[in-house]
Amino acid sequence: MKKTLVLGATTNPERYAYRAVQRLLQHGHEVVPVGIRSGEIEGIPIQQGMPAVTELDTISLYVGPDHQKAYYDYLLSLQPKRIIFNPGTENPELEARAQQQNIEVVVGCTLVMLSIGVY
């Protein structure tokens, strides 16, 4: 299973980040939800700030490019194997920086990837 940090996690069940945390858990993945407000999803607390996370496989982004810059160094310091840029989060600058560090860049949808078995 792939330990995944979901950046942009929220307690709003209408948001895709919320659904992604749910579906990742349903598929047996360990999830680290990170958002700007406290709360929980499926009993897992949403962490705030830039928590230390080890042995991370994937970062799934649900934060738009205008708000990503503050997270660049943090995200890259976690040394994930890949970063998924969900629709609306595409960011050529961060994508290039990730690729320079041999981090796989996926422009796609976490929910679709899970549903068709290619996560």
PDB file of N, CA and C in Angstrom:
ATOM      1  N   MET A   1       0.840  -1.182   0.000  1.00  0.00           N
ATOM      2  CA  MET A   1       0.000   0.000   0.000  1.00  0.00           C
ATOM      3  C   MET A   1       0.887   1.248   0.000  1.00  0.00           C
ATOM      4  N   LYS A   2       0.322   2.337  -0.480  1.00  0.00           N
ATOM      5  CA  LYS A   2       1.106   3.543  -0.695  1.00  0.00           C
ATOM      6  C   LYS A   2       0.716   4.646   0.292  1.00  0.00           C
ATOM      7  N   LYS A   3       1.643   4.954   1.193  1.00  0.00           N
ATOM      8  CA  LYS A   3       1.411   6.033   2.148  1.00  0.00           C
ATOM      9  C   LYS A   3       1.293   7.341   1.379  1.00  0.00           C
ATOM     10  N   THR A   4       0.165   8.021   1.580  1.00  0.00           N
ATOM     11  CA  THR A   4      -0.156   9.201   0.777  1.00  0.00           C
ATOM     12  C   THR A   4      -0.479  10.398   1.644  1.00  0.00           C
ATOM     13  N   LEU A   5       0.147  11.526   1.343  1.00  0.00           N
ATOM     14  CA  LEU A   5      -0.189  12.794   1.971  1.00  0.00           C
ATOM     15  C   LEU A   5      -1.163  13.515   1.036  1.00  0.00           C
ATOM     16  N   VAL A   6      -2.327  13.887   1.567  1.00  0.00           N
ATOM     17  CA  VAL A   6      -3.314  14.643   0.799  1.00  0.00           C
ATOM     18  C   VAL A   6      -3.237  16.085   1.270  1.00  0.00           C
ATOM     19  N   LEU A   7      -2.689  16.952   0.407  1.00  0.00           N
ATOM     20  CA  LEU A   7      -2.566  18.362   0.749  1.00  0.00           C
ATOM     21  C   LEU A   7      -3.805  19.104   0.262  1.00  0.00           C
ATOM     22  N   GLY A   8      -4.471  19.755   1.214  1.00  0.00           N
ATOM     23  CA  GLY A   8      -5.724  20.446   0.913  1.00  0.00           C
ATOM     24  C   GLY A   8      -6.911  19.727   1.529  1.00  0.00           C
ATOM     25  N   ALA A   9      -6.627  18.829   2.468  1.00  0.00           N
ATOM     26  CA  ALA A   9      -7.687  18.059   3.127  1.00  0.00           C
ATOM     27  C   ALA A   9      -8.654  18.998   3.849  1.00  0.00           C
ATOM     28  N   THR A  10      -9.913  18.597   3.858  1.00  0.00           N
ATOM     29  CA  THR A  10     -10.968  19.394   4.457  1.00  0.00           C
ATOM     30  C   THR A  10     -12.036  18.482   5.050  1.00  0.00           C
ATOM     31  N   THR A  11     -12.808  19.025   5.969  1.00  0.00           N
ATOM     32  CA  THR A  11     -13.907  18.252   6.554  1.00  0.00           C
ATOM     33  C   THR A  11     -15.177  18.333   5.708  1.00  0.00           C
ATOM     34  N   ASN A  12     -15.133  19.064   4.612  1.00  0.00           N
ATOM     35  CA  ASN A  12     -16.300  19.226   3.745  1.00  0.00           C
ATOM     36  C   ASN A  12     -16.439  18.004   2.827  1.00  0.00           C
ATOM     37  N   PRO A  13     -17.473  17.179   3.050  1.00  0.00           N
ATOM     38  CA  PRO A  13     -17.608  15.955   2.250  1.00  0.00           C
ATOM     39  C   PRO A  13     -17.908  16.201   0.773  1.00  0.00           C
ATOM     40  N   GLU A  14     -18.214  17.432   0.410  1.00  0.00           N
ATOM     41  CA  GLU A  14     -18.461  17.761  -0.993  1.00  0.00           C
ATOM     42  C   GLU A  14     -17.169  17.996  -1.785  1.00  0.00           C
ATOM     43  N   ARG A  15     -16.053  18.156  -1.087  1.00  0.00           N
ATOM     44  CA  ARG A  15     -14.777  18.469  -1.745  1.00  0.00           C
ATOM     45  C   ARG A  15     -14.068  17.175  -2.177  1.00  0.00           C
ATOM     46  N   TYR A  16     -13.354  17.276  -3.291  1.00  0.00           N
ATOM     47  CA  TYR A  16     -12.650  16.103  -3.811  1.00  0.00           C
ATOM     48  C   TYR A  16     -11.540  15.633  -2.875  1.00  0.00           C
ATOM     49  N   ALA A  17     -10.912  16.543  -2.150  1.00  0.00           N
ATOM     50  CA  ALA A  17      -9.854  16.142  -1.215  1.00  0.00           C
ATOM     51  C   ALA A  17     -10.426  15.239  -0.124  1.00  0.00           C
ATOM     52  N   TYR A  18     -11.629  15.545   0.342  1.00  0.00           N
ATOM     53  CA  TYR A  18     -12.293  14.714   1.352  1.00  0.00           C
ATOM     54  C   TYR A  18     -12.554  13.323   0.779  1.00  0.00           C
ATOM     55  N   ARG A  19     -13.106  13.303  -0.429  1.00  0.00           N
ATOM     56  CA  ARG A  19     -13.418  12.029  -1.085  1.00  0.00           C
ATOM     57  C   ARG A  19     -12.153  11.215  -1.343  1.00  0.00           C
ATOM     58  N   ALA A  20     -11.070  11.904  -1.686  1.00  0.00           N
ATOM     59  CA  ALA A  20      -9.811  11.191  -1.936  1.00  0.00           C
ATOM     60  C   ALA A  20      -9.318  10.495  -0.678  1.00  0.00           C
ATOM     61  N   VAL A  21      -9.392  11.182   0.463  1.00  0.00           N
ATOM     62  CA  VAL A  21      -8.973  10.546   1.718  1.00  0.00           C
ATOM     63  C   VAL A  21      -9.842   9.312   1.977  1.00  0.00           C
ATOM     64  N   GLN A  22     -11.141   9.452   1.815  1.00  0.00           N
ATOM     65  CA  GLN A  22     -12.046   8.313   2.015  1.00  0.00           C
ATOM     66  C   GLN A  22     -11.680   7.138   1.115  1.00  0.00           C
ATOM     67  N   ARG A  23     -11.525   7.405  -0.163  1.00  0.00           N
ATOM     68  CA  ARG A  23     -11.268   6.325  -1.129  1.00  0.00           C
ATOM     69  C   ARG A  23      -9.900   5.692  -0.924  1.00  0.00           C
ATOM     70  N   LEU A  24      -8.903   6.515  -0.585  1.00  0.00           N
ATOM     71  CA  LEU A  24      -7.585   5.947  -0.297  1.00  0.00           C
ATOM     72  C   LEU A  24      -7.672   4.982   0.878  1.00  0.00           C
ATOM     73  N   LEU A  25      -8.386   5.379   1.915  1.00  0.00           N
ATOM     74  CA  LEU A  25      -8.558   4.502   3.076  1.00  0.00           C
ATOM     75  C   LEU A  25      -9.305   3.228   2.692  1.00  0.00           C
ATOM     76  N   GLN A  26     -10.347   3.366   1.882  1.00  0.00           N
ATOM     77  CA  GLN A  26     -11.122   2.201   1.437  1.00  0.00           C
ATOM     78  C   GLN A  26     -10.256   1.219   0.648  1.00  0.00           C
ATOM     79  N   HIS A  27      -9.248   1.743  -0.040  1.00  0.00           N
ATOM     80  CA  HIS A  27      -8.352   0.894  -0.814  1.00  0.00           C
ATOM     81  C   HIS A  27      -7.152   0.417   0.015  1.00  0.00           C
ATOM     82  N   GLY A  28      -7.152   0.720   1.320  1.00  0.00           N
ATOM     83  CA  GLY A  28      -6.128   0.196   2.217  1.00  0.00           C
ATOM     84  C   GLY A  28      -4.847   1.003   2.316  1.00  0.00           C
ATOM     85  N   HIS A  29      -4.849   2.220   1.782  1.00  0.00           N
ATOM     86  CA  HIS A  29      -3.650   3.053   1.852  1.00  0.00           C
ATOM     87  C   HIS A  29      -3.612   3.831   3.167  1.00  0.00           C
ATOM     88  N   GLU A  30      -2.410   4.045   3.680  1.00  0.00           N
ATOM     89  CA  GLU A  30      -2.233   4.914   4.834  1.00  0.00           C
ATOM     90  C   GLU A  30      -2.296   6.352   4.337  1.00  0.00           C
ATOM     91  N   VAL A  31      -3.095   7.189   5.016  1.00  0.00           N
ATOM     92  CA  VAL A  31      -3.306   8.550   4.544  1.00  0.00           C
ATOM     93  C   VAL A  31      -2.922   9.554   5.622  1.00  0.00           C
ATOM     94  N   VAL A  32      -2.244  10.617   5.188  1.00  0.00           N
ATOM     95  CA  VAL A  32      -1.901  11.735   6.057  1.00  0.00           C
ATOM     96  C   VAL A  32      -2.613  12.959   5.487  1.00  0.00           C
ATOM     97  N   PRO A  33      -3.795  13.309   6.035  1.00  0.00           N
ATOM     98  CA  PRO A  33      -4.485  14.497   5.543  1.00  0.00           C
ATOM     99  C   PRO A  33      -3.869  15.762   6.138  1.00  0.00           C
ATOM    100  N   VAL A  34      -3.577  16.742   5.276  1.00  0.00           N
ATOM    101  CA  VAL A  34      -3.008  18.010   5.717  1.00  0.00           C
ATOM    102  C   VAL A  34      -3.875  19.126   5.145  1.00  0.00           C
ATOM    103  N   GLY A  35      -4.331  20.017   6.033  1.00  0.00           N
ATOM    104  CA  GLY A  35      -5.176  21.114   5.602  1.00  0.00           C
ATOM    105  C   GLY A  35      -4.952  22.348   6.452  1.00  0.00           C
ATOM    106  N   ILE A  36      -5.742  23.380   6.188  1.00  0.00           N
ATOM    107  CA  ILE A  36      -5.558  24.621   6.937  1.00  0.00           C
ATOM    108  C   ILE A  36      -6.451  24.695   8.172  1.00  0.00           C
ATOM    109  N   ARG A  37      -7.442  23.813   8.257  1.00  0.00           N
ATOM    110  CA  ARG A  37      -8.322  23.796   9.427  1.00  0.00           C
ATOM    111  C   ARG A  37      -8.300  22.418  10.074  1.00  0.00           C
ATOM    112  N   SER A  38      -8.455  22.398  11.387  1.00  0.00           N
ATOM    113  CA  SER A  38      -8.478  21.126  12.089  1.00  0.00           C
ATOM    114  C   SER A  38      -9.803  20.417  11.835  1.00  0.00           C
ATOM    115  N   GLY A  39      -9.822  19.172  12.152  1.00  0.00           N
ATOM    116  CA  GLY A  39     -10.996  18.334  11.965  1.00  0.00           C
ATOM    117  C   GLY A  39     -10.523  16.926  11.706  1.00  0.00           C
ATOM    118  N   GLU A  40     -11.413  16.095  11.206  1.00  0.00           N
ATOM    119  CA  GLU A  40     -11.006  14.733  10.882  1.00  0.00           C
ATOM    120  C   GLU A  40     -11.849  14.196   9.735  1.00  0.00           C
ATOM    121  N   ILE A  41     -11.284  13.190   9.089  1.00  0.00           N
ATOM    122  CA  ILE A  41     -11.955  12.479   8.010  1.00  0.00           C
ATOM    123  C   ILE A  41     -11.859  11.002   8.341  1.00  0.00           C
ATOM    124  N   GLU A  42     -13.005  10.348   8.457  1.00  0.00           N
ATOM    125  CA  GLU A  42     -13.030   8.913   8.771  1.00  0.00           C
ATOM    126  C   GLU A  42     -12.194   8.609  10.030  1.00  0.00           C
ATOM    127  N   GLY A  43     -12.234   9.505  10.998  1.00  0.00           N
ATOM    128  CA  GLY A  43     -11.522   9.303  12.252  1.00  0.00           C
ATOM    129  C   GLY A  43     -10.049   9.665  12.222  1.00  0.00           C
ATOM    130  N   ILE A  44      -9.547  10.113  11.083  1.00  0.00           N
ATOM    131  CA  ILE A  44      -8.138  10.497  10.981  1.00  0.00           C
ATOM    132  C   ILE A  44      -8.045  12.013  11.078  1.00  0.00           C
ATOM    133  N   PRO A  45      -7.265  12.528  12.034  1.00  0.00           N
ATOM    134  CA  PRO A  45      -7.153  13.978  12.191  1.00  0.00           C
ATOM    135  C   PRO A  45      -6.495  14.641  10.989  1.00  0.00           C
ATOM    136  N   ILE A  46      -7.017  15.791  10.613  1.00  0.00           N
ATOM    137  CA  ILE A  46      -6.387  16.616   9.588  1.00  0.00           C
ATOM    138  C   ILE A  46      -5.268  17.390  10.284  1.00  0.00           C
ATOM    139  N   GLN A  47      -4.051  17.191   9.808  1.00  0.00           N
ATOM    140  CA  GLN A  47      -2.915  17.889  10.392  1.00  0.00           C
ATOM    141  C   GLN A  47      -2.782  19.257   9.735  1.00  0.00           C
ATOM    142  N   GLN A  48      -2.274  20.197  10.514  1.00  0.00           N
ATOM    143  CA  GLN A  48      -2.090  21.547  10.012  1.00  0.00           C
ATOM    144  C   GLN A  48      -0.603  21.853   9.899  1.00  0.00           C
ATOM    145  N   GLY A  49      -0.291  22.879   9.122  1.00  0.00           N
ATOM    146  CA  GLY A  49       1.104  23.274   8.967  1.00  0.00           C
ATOM    147  C   GLY A  49       1.839  22.348   8.028  1.00  0.00           C
ATOM    148  N   MET A  50       3.052  22.023   8.409  1.00  0.00           N
ATOM    149  CA  MET A  50       3.913  21.182   7.578  1.00  0.00           C
ATOM    150  C   MET A  50       4.462  20.049   8.432  1.00  0.00           C
ATOM    151  N   PRO A  51       3.626  19.045   8.721  1.00  0.00           N
ATOM    152  CA  PRO A  51       4.040  17.972   9.624  1.00  0.00           C
ATOM    153  C   PRO A  51       5.132  17.092   9.021  1.00  0.00           C
ATOM    154  N   ALA A  52       5.975  16.594   9.899  1.00  0.00           N
ATOM    155  CA  ALA A  52       7.010  15.651   9.471  1.00  0.00           C
ATOM    156  C   ALA A  52       6.336  14.338   9.095  1.00  0.00           C
ATOM    157  N   VAL A  53       6.682  13.824   7.932  1.00  0.00           N
ATOM    158  CA  VAL A  53       6.120  12.558   7.460  1.00  0.00           C
ATOM    159  C   VAL A  53       7.276  11.756   6.875  1.00  0.00           C
ATOM    160  N   THR A  54       7.381  10.515   7.272  1.00  0.00           N
ATOM    161  CA  THR A  54       8.464   9.668   6.770  1.00  0.00           C
ATOM    162  C   THR A  54       7.889   8.558   5.891  1.00  0.00           C
ATOM    163  N   GLU A  55       8.756   7.993   5.084  1.00  0.00           N
ATOM    164  CA  GLU A  55       8.412   6.851   4.222  1.00  0.00           C
ATOM    165  C   GLU A  55       7.169   7.123   3.385  1.00  0.00           C
ATOM    166  N   LEU A  56       7.155   8.284   2.770  1.00  0.00           N
ATOM    167  CA  LEU A  56       6.013   8.724   1.980  1.00  0.00           C
ATOM    168  C   LEU A  56       6.152   8.240   0.543  1.00  0.00           C
ATOM    169  N   ASP A  57       5.094   7.666   0.019  1.00  0.00           N
ATOM    170  CA  ASP A  57       5.092   7.236  -1.371  1.00  0.00           C
ATOM    171  C   ASP A  57       4.573   8.338  -2.287  1.00  0.00           C
ATOM    172  N   THR A  58       3.421   8.915  -1.927  1.00  0.00           N
ATOM    173  CA  THR A  58       2.719   9.816  -2.840  1.00  0.00           C
ATOM    174  C   THR A  58       2.224  11.065  -2.127  1.00  0.00           C
ATOM    175  N   ILE A  59       2.275  12.181  -2.840  1.00  0.00           N
ATOM    176  CA  ILE A  59       1.596  13.403  -2.420  1.00  0.00           C
ATOM    177  C   ILE A  59       0.499  13.647  -3.443  1.00  0.00           C
ATOM    178  N   SER A  60      -0.724  13.809  -2.961  1.00  0.00           N
ATOM    179  CA  SER A  60      -1.862  14.114  -3.824  1.00  0.00           C
ATOM    180  C   SER A  60      -2.284  15.549  -3.536  1.00  0.00           C
ATOM    181  N   LEU A  61      -2.130  16.415  -4.546  1.00  0.00           N
ATOM    182  CA  LEU A  61      -2.380  17.847  -4.351  1.00  0.00           C
ATOM    183  C   LEU A  61      -3.822  18.239  -4.639  1.00  0.00           C
ATOM    184  N   TYR A  62      -4.389  18.978  -3.700  1.00  0.00           N
ATOM    185  CA  TYR A  62      -5.708  19.584  -3.870  1.00  0.00           C
ATOM    186  C   TYR A  62      -5.637  21.058  -3.495  1.00  0.00           C
ATOM    187  N   VAL A  63      -4.494  21.668  -3.737  1.00  0.00           N
ATOM    188  CA  VAL A  63      -4.259  23.082  -3.479  1.00  0.00           C
ATOM    189  C   VAL A  63      -3.849  23.699  -4.810  1.00  0.00           C
ATOM    190  N   GLY A  64      -4.491  24.780  -5.188  1.00  0.00           N
ATOM    191  CA  GLY A  64      -4.199  25.432  -6.458  1.00  0.00           C
ATOM    192  C   GLY A  64      -2.791  25.988  -6.523  1.00  0.00           C
ATOM    193  N   PRO A  65      -2.294  26.223  -7.737  1.00  0.00           N
ATOM    194  CA  PRO A  65      -0.923  26.690  -7.921  1.00  0.00           C
ATOM    195  C   PRO A  65      -0.592  27.974  -7.169  1.00  0.00           C
ATOM    196  N   ASP A  66      -1.558  28.880  -7.026  1.00  0.00           N
ATOM    197  CA  ASP A  66      -1.301  30.142  -6.328  1.00  0.00           C
ATOM    198  C   ASP A  66      -0.954  29.931  -4.855  1.00  0.00           C
ATOM    199  N   HIS A  67      -1.394  28.825  -4.291  1.00  0.00           N
ATOM    200  CA  HIS A  67      -1.145  28.556  -2.868  1.00  0.00           C
ATOM    201  C   HIS A  67      -0.070  27.494  -2.643  1.00  0.00           C
ATOM    202  N   GLN A  68       0.468  26.948  -3.709  1.00  0.00           N
ATOM    203  CA  GLN A  68       1.468  25.882  -3.577  1.00  0.00           C
ATOM    204  C   GLN A  68       2.861  26.393  -3.234  1.00  0.00           C
ATOM    205  N   LYS A  69       3.196  27.595  -3.673  1.00  0.00           N
ATOM    206  CA  LYS A  69       4.570  28.094  -3.538  1.00  0.00           C
ATOM    207  C   LYS A  69       5.082  27.995  -2.098  1.00  0.00           C
ATOM    208  N   ALA A  70       4.234  28.288  -1.134  1.00  0.00           N
ATOM    209  CA  ALA A  70       4.629  28.221   0.277  1.00  0.00           C
ATOM    210  C   ALA A  70       4.995  26.796   0.700  1.00  0.00           C
ATOM    211  N   TYR A  71       4.553  25.809  -0.077  1.00  0.00           N
ATOM    212  CA  TYR A  71       4.785  24.405   0.272  1.00  0.00           C
ATOM    213  C   TYR A  71       5.907  23.754  -0.536  1.00  0.00           C
ATOM    214  N   TYR A  72       6.469  24.429  -1.532  1.00  0.00           N
ATOM    215  CA  TYR A  72       7.466  23.810  -2.409  1.00  0.00           C
ATOM    216  C   TYR A  72       8.553  23.068  -1.634  1.00  0.00           C
ATOM    217  N   ASP A  73       9.282  23.802  -0.792  1.00  0.00           N
ATOM    218  CA  ASP A  73      10.412  23.195  -0.085  1.00  0.00           C
ATOM    219  C   ASP A  73       9.950  22.066   0.832  1.00  0.00           C
ATOM    220  N   TYR A  74       8.820  22.269   1.496  1.00  0.00           N
ATOM    221  CA  TYR A  74       8.281  21.236   2.385  1.00  0.00           C
ATOM    222  C   TYR A  74       7.972  19.964   1.606  1.00  0.00           C
ATOM    223  N   LEU A  75       7.209  20.084   0.528  1.00  0.00           N
ATOM    224  CA  LEU A  75       6.801  18.913  -0.248  1.00  0.00           C
ATOM    225  C   LEU A  75       8.008  18.159  -0.789  1.00  0.00           C
ATOM    226  N   LEU A  76       8.965  18.888  -1.325  1.00  0.00           N
ATOM    227  CA  LEU A  76      10.144  18.238  -1.883  1.00  0.00           C
ATOM    228  C   LEU A  76      11.016  17.618  -0.799  1.00  0.00           C
ATOM    229  N   SER A  77      11.027  18.218   0.386  1.00  0.00           N
ATOM    230  CA  SER A  77      11.832  17.671   1.493  1.00  0.00           C
ATOM    231  C   SER A  77      11.298  16.325   1.983  1.00  0.00           C
ATOM    232  N   LEU A  78      10.030  16.041   1.710  1.00  0.00           N
ATOM    233  CA  LEU A  78       9.432  14.766   2.133  1.00  0.00           C
ATOM    234  C   LEU A  78       9.903  13.604   1.261  1.00  0.00           C
ATOM    235  N   GLN A  79      10.537  13.920   0.152  1.00  0.00           N
ATOM    236  CA  GLN A  79      11.099  12.940  -0.774  1.00  0.00           C
ATOM    237  C   GLN A  79      10.093  11.852  -1.166  1.00  0.00           C
ATOM    238  N   PRO A  80       8.928  12.271  -1.674  1.00  0.00           N
ATOM    239  CA  PRO A  80       7.970  11.261  -2.123  1.00  0.00           C
ATOM    240  C   PRO A  80       8.456  10.613  -3.412  1.00  0.00           C
ATOM    241  N   LYS A  81       7.891   9.458  -3.728  1.00  0.00           N
ATOM    242  CA  LYS A  81       8.207   8.827  -5.008  1.00  0.00           C
ATOM    243  C   LYS A  81       7.479   9.529  -6.140  1.00  0.00           C
ATOM    244  N   ARG A  82       6.296  10.097  -5.835  1.00  0.00           N
ATOM    245  CA  ARG A  82       5.543  10.794  -6.879  1.00  0.00           C
ATOM    246  C   ARG A  82       4.644  11.864  -6.270  1.00  0.00           C
ATOM    247  N   ILE A  83       4.281  12.810  -7.133  1.00  0.00           N
ATOM    248  CA  ILE A  83       3.318  13.842  -6.779  1.00  0.00           C
ATOM    249  C   ILE A  83       2.215  13.793  -7.827  1.00  0.00           C
ATOM    250  N   ILE A  84       0.974  13.697  -7.368  1.00  0.00           N
ATOM    251  CA  ILE A  84      -0.176  13.714  -8.268  1.00  0.00           C
ATOM    252  C   ILE A  84      -0.748  15.130  -8.265  1.00  0.00           C
ATOM    253  N   PHE A  85      -0.775  15.733  -9.453  1.00  0.00           N
ATOM    254  CA  PHE A  85      -1.378  17.046  -9.641  1.00  0.00           C
ATOM    255  C   PHE A  85      -2.804  16.816 -10.124  1.00  0.00           C
ATOM    256  N   ASN A  86      -3.753  16.880  -9.199  1.00  0.00           N
ATOM    257  CA  ASN A  86      -5.162  16.681  -9.534  1.00  0.00           C
ATOM    258  C   ASN A  86      -5.655  17.856 -10.377  1.00  0.00           C
ATOM    259  N   PRO A  87      -6.782  17.681 -11.082  1.00  0.00           N
ATOM    260  CA  PRO A  87      -7.285  18.765 -11.940  1.00  0.00           C
ATOM    261  C   PRO A  87      -7.369  20.096 -11.189  1.00  0.00           C
ATOM    262  N   GLY A  88      -6.818  21.135 -11.811  1.00  0.00           N
ATOM    263  CA  GLY A  88      -6.809  22.463 -11.214  1.00  0.00           C
ATOM    264  C   GLY A  88      -5.572  22.764 -10.387  1.00  0.00           C
ATOM    265  N   THR A  89      -4.707  21.760 -10.185  1.00  0.00           N
ATOM    266  CA  THR A  89      -3.501  21.974  -9.382  1.00  0.00           C
ATOM    267  C   THR A  89      -2.234  21.950 -10.228  1.00  0.00           C
ATOM    268  N   GLU A  90      -2.378  21.803 -11.527  1.00  0.00           N
ATOM    269  CA  GLU A  90      -1.218  21.721 -12.406  1.00  0.00           C
ATOM    270  C   GLU A  90      -0.325  22.947 -12.208  1.00  0.00           C
ATOM    271  N   ASN A  91       0.998  22.702 -12.151  1.00  0.00           N
ATOM    272  CA  ASN A  91       1.939  23.775 -11.847  1.00  0.00           C
ATOM    273  C   ASN A  91       3.294  23.433 -12.465  1.00  0.00           C
ATOM    274  N   PRO A  92       3.584  23.968 -13.657  1.00  0.00           N
ATOM    275  CA  PRO A  92       4.844  23.631 -14.335  1.00  0.00           C
ATOM    276  C   PRO A  92       6.093  23.883 -13.490  1.00  0.00           C
ATOM    277  N   GLU A  93       6.087  24.925 -12.673  1.00  0.00           N
ATOM    278  CA  GLU A  93       7.263  25.225 -11.846  1.00  0.00           C
ATOM    279  C   GLU A  93       7.519  24.115 -10.827  1.00  0.00           C
ATOM    280  N   LEU A  94       6.494  23.727 -10.084  1.00  0.00           N
ATOM    281  CA  LEU A  94       6.664  22.661  -9.086  1.00  0.00           C
ATOM    282  C   LEU A  94       6.913  21.318  -9.770  1.00  0.00           C
ATOM    283  N   GLU A  95       6.252  21.083 -10.888  1.00  0.00           N
ATOM    284  CA  GLU A  95       6.470  19.840 -11.632  1.00  0.00           C
ATOM    285  C   GLU A  95       7.937  19.714 -12.032  1.00  0.00           C
ATOM    286  N   ALA A  96       8.523  20.798 -12.544  1.00  0.00           N
ATOM    287  CA  ALA A  96       9.929  20.782 -12.965  1.00  0.00           C
ATOM    288  C   ALA A  96      10.853  20.556 -11.771  1.00  0.00           C
ATOM    289  N   ARG A  97      10.569  21.230 -10.673  1.00  0.00           N
ATOM    290  CA  ARG A  97      11.418  21.054  -9.470  1.00  0.00           C
ATOM    291  C   ARG A  97      11.356  19.617  -8.971  1.00  0.00           C
ATOM    292  N   ALA A  98      10.171  19.023  -9.008  1.00  0.00           N
ATOM    293  CA  ALA A  98      10.023  17.632  -8.566  1.00  0.00           C
ATOM    294  C   ALA A  98      10.809  16.696  -9.489  1.00  0.00           C
ATOM    295  N   GLN A  99      10.680  16.899 -10.783  1.00  0.00           N
ATOM    296  CA  GLN A  99      11.387  16.043 -11.737  1.00  0.00           C
ATOM    297  C   GLN A  99      12.900  16.163 -11.588  1.00  0.00           C
ATOM    298  N   GLN A 100      13.397  17.345 -11.230  1.00  0.00           N
ATOM    299  CA  GLN A 100      14.830  17.525 -11.009  1.00  0.00           C
ATOM    300  C   GLN A 100      15.319  16.675  -9.842  1.00  0.00           C
ATOM    301  N   GLN A 101      14.412  16.345  -8.936  1.00  0.00           N
ATOM    302  CA  GLN A 101      14.769  15.506  -7.781  1.00  0.00           C
ATOM    303  C   GLN A 101      14.344  14.056  -7.996  1.00  0.00           C
ATOM    304  N   ASN A 102      14.094  13.689  -9.243  1.00  0.00           N
ATOM    305  CA  ASN A 102      13.692  12.325  -9.603  1.00  0.00           C
ATOM    306  C   ASN A 102      12.399  11.880  -8.943  1.00  0.00           C
ATOM    307  N   ILE A 103      11.488  12.832  -8.746  1.00  0.00           N
ATOM    308  CA  ILE A 103      10.164  12.533  -8.230  1.00  0.00           C
ATOM    309  C   ILE A 103       9.236  12.434  -9.435  1.00  0.00           C
ATOM    310  N   GLU A 104       8.507  11.333  -9.526  1.00  0.00           N
ATOM    311  CA  GLU A 104       7.582  11.144 -10.633  1.00  0.00           C
ATOM    312  C   GLU A 104       6.454  12.168 -10.539  1.00  0.00           C
ATOM    313  N   VAL A 105       6.122  12.785 -11.654  1.00  0.00           N
ATOM    314  CA  VAL A 105       5.037  13.752 -11.725  1.00  0.00           C
ATOM    315  C   VAL A 105       3.883  13.111 -12.490  1.00  0.00           C
ATOM    316  N   VAL A 106       2.707  13.106 -11.885  1.00  0.00           N
ATOM    317  CA  VAL A 106       1.506  12.573 -12.524  1.00  0.00           C
ATOM    318  C   VAL A 106       0.479  13.693 -12.582  1.00  0.00           C
ATOM    319  N   VAL A 107       0.066  14.044 -13.778  1.00  0.00           N
ATOM    320  CA  VAL A 107      -1.026  14.991 -13.941  1.00  0.00           C
ATOM    321  C   VAL A 107      -2.252  14.132 -14.201  1.00  0.00           C
ATOM    322  N   GLY A 108      -3.076  14.006 -13.178  1.00  0.00           N
ATOM    323  CA  GLY A 108      -4.212  13.102 -13.265  1.00  0.00           C
ATOM    324  C   GLY A 108      -5.135  13.308 -12.097  1.00  0.00           C
ATOM    325  N   CYS A 109      -5.987  12.347 -11.858  1.00  0.00           N
ATOM    326  CA  CYS A 109      -6.972  12.435 -10.786  1.00  0.00           C
ATOM    327  C   CYS A 109      -6.855  11.223  -9.880  1.00  0.00           C
ATOM    328  N   THR A 110      -6.567  11.480  -8.622  1.00  0.00           N
ATOM    329  CA  THR A 110      -6.433  10.396  -7.652  1.00  0.00           C
ATOM    330  C   THR A 110      -7.679   9.518  -7.635  1.00  0.00           C
ATOM    331  N   LEU A 111      -8.858  10.133  -7.651  1.00  0.00           N
ATOM    332  CA  LEU A 111     -10.106   9.364  -7.593  1.00  0.00           C
ATOM    333  C   LEU A 111     -10.264   8.447  -8.808  1.00  0.00           C
ATOM    334  N   VAL A 112      -9.952   8.965  -9.980  1.00  0.00           N
ATOM    335  CA  VAL A 112     -10.033   8.135 -11.200  1.00  0.00           C
ATOM    336  C   VAL A 112      -9.004   7.031 -11.154  1.00  0.00           C
ATOM    337  N   MET A 113      -7.779   7.372 -10.755  1.00  0.00           N
ATOM    338  CA  MET A 113      -6.725   6.362 -10.684  1.00  0.00           C
ATOM    339  C   MET A 113      -7.121   5.211  -9.767  1.00  0.00           C
ATOM    340  N   LEU A 114      -7.716   5.534  -8.623  1.00  0.00           N
ATOM    341  CA  LEU A 114      -8.172   4.498  -7.699  1.00  0.00           C
ATOM    342  C   LEU A 114      -9.292   3.667  -8.321  1.00  0.00           C
ATOM    343  N   SER A 115     -10.217   4.331  -9.000  1.00  0.00           N
ATOM    344  CA  SER A 115     -11.387   3.625  -9.533  1.00  0.00           C
ATOM    345  C   SER A 115     -11.040   2.674 -10.670  1.00  0.00           C
ATOM    346  N   ILE A 116      -9.966   2.972 -11.426  1.00  0.00           N
ATOM    347  CA  ILE A 116      -9.605   2.075 -12.528  1.00  0.00           C
ATOM    348  C   ILE A 116      -8.419   1.183 -12.202  1.00  0.00           C
ATOM    349  N   GLY A 117      -7.955   1.249 -10.942  1.00  0.00           N
ATOM    350  CA  GLY A 117      -6.918   0.323 -10.487  1.00  0.00           C
ATOM    351  C   GLY A 117      -5.507   0.642 -10.925  1.00  0.00           C
ATOM    352  N   VAL A 118      -5.206   1.926 -11.188  1.00  0.00           N
ATOM    353  CA  VAL A 118      -3.845   2.279 -11.602  1.00  0.00           C
ATOM    354  C   VAL A 118      -3.157   3.190 -10.574  1.00  0.00           C
ATOM    355  N   TYR A 119      -3.665   3.208  -9.342  1.00  0.00           N
ATOM    356  CA  TYR A 119      -3.072   4.071  -8.329  1.00  0.00           C
ATOM    357  C   TYR A 119      -1.720   3.508  -7.924  1.00  0.00           C
TER     358      TYR A 119
END
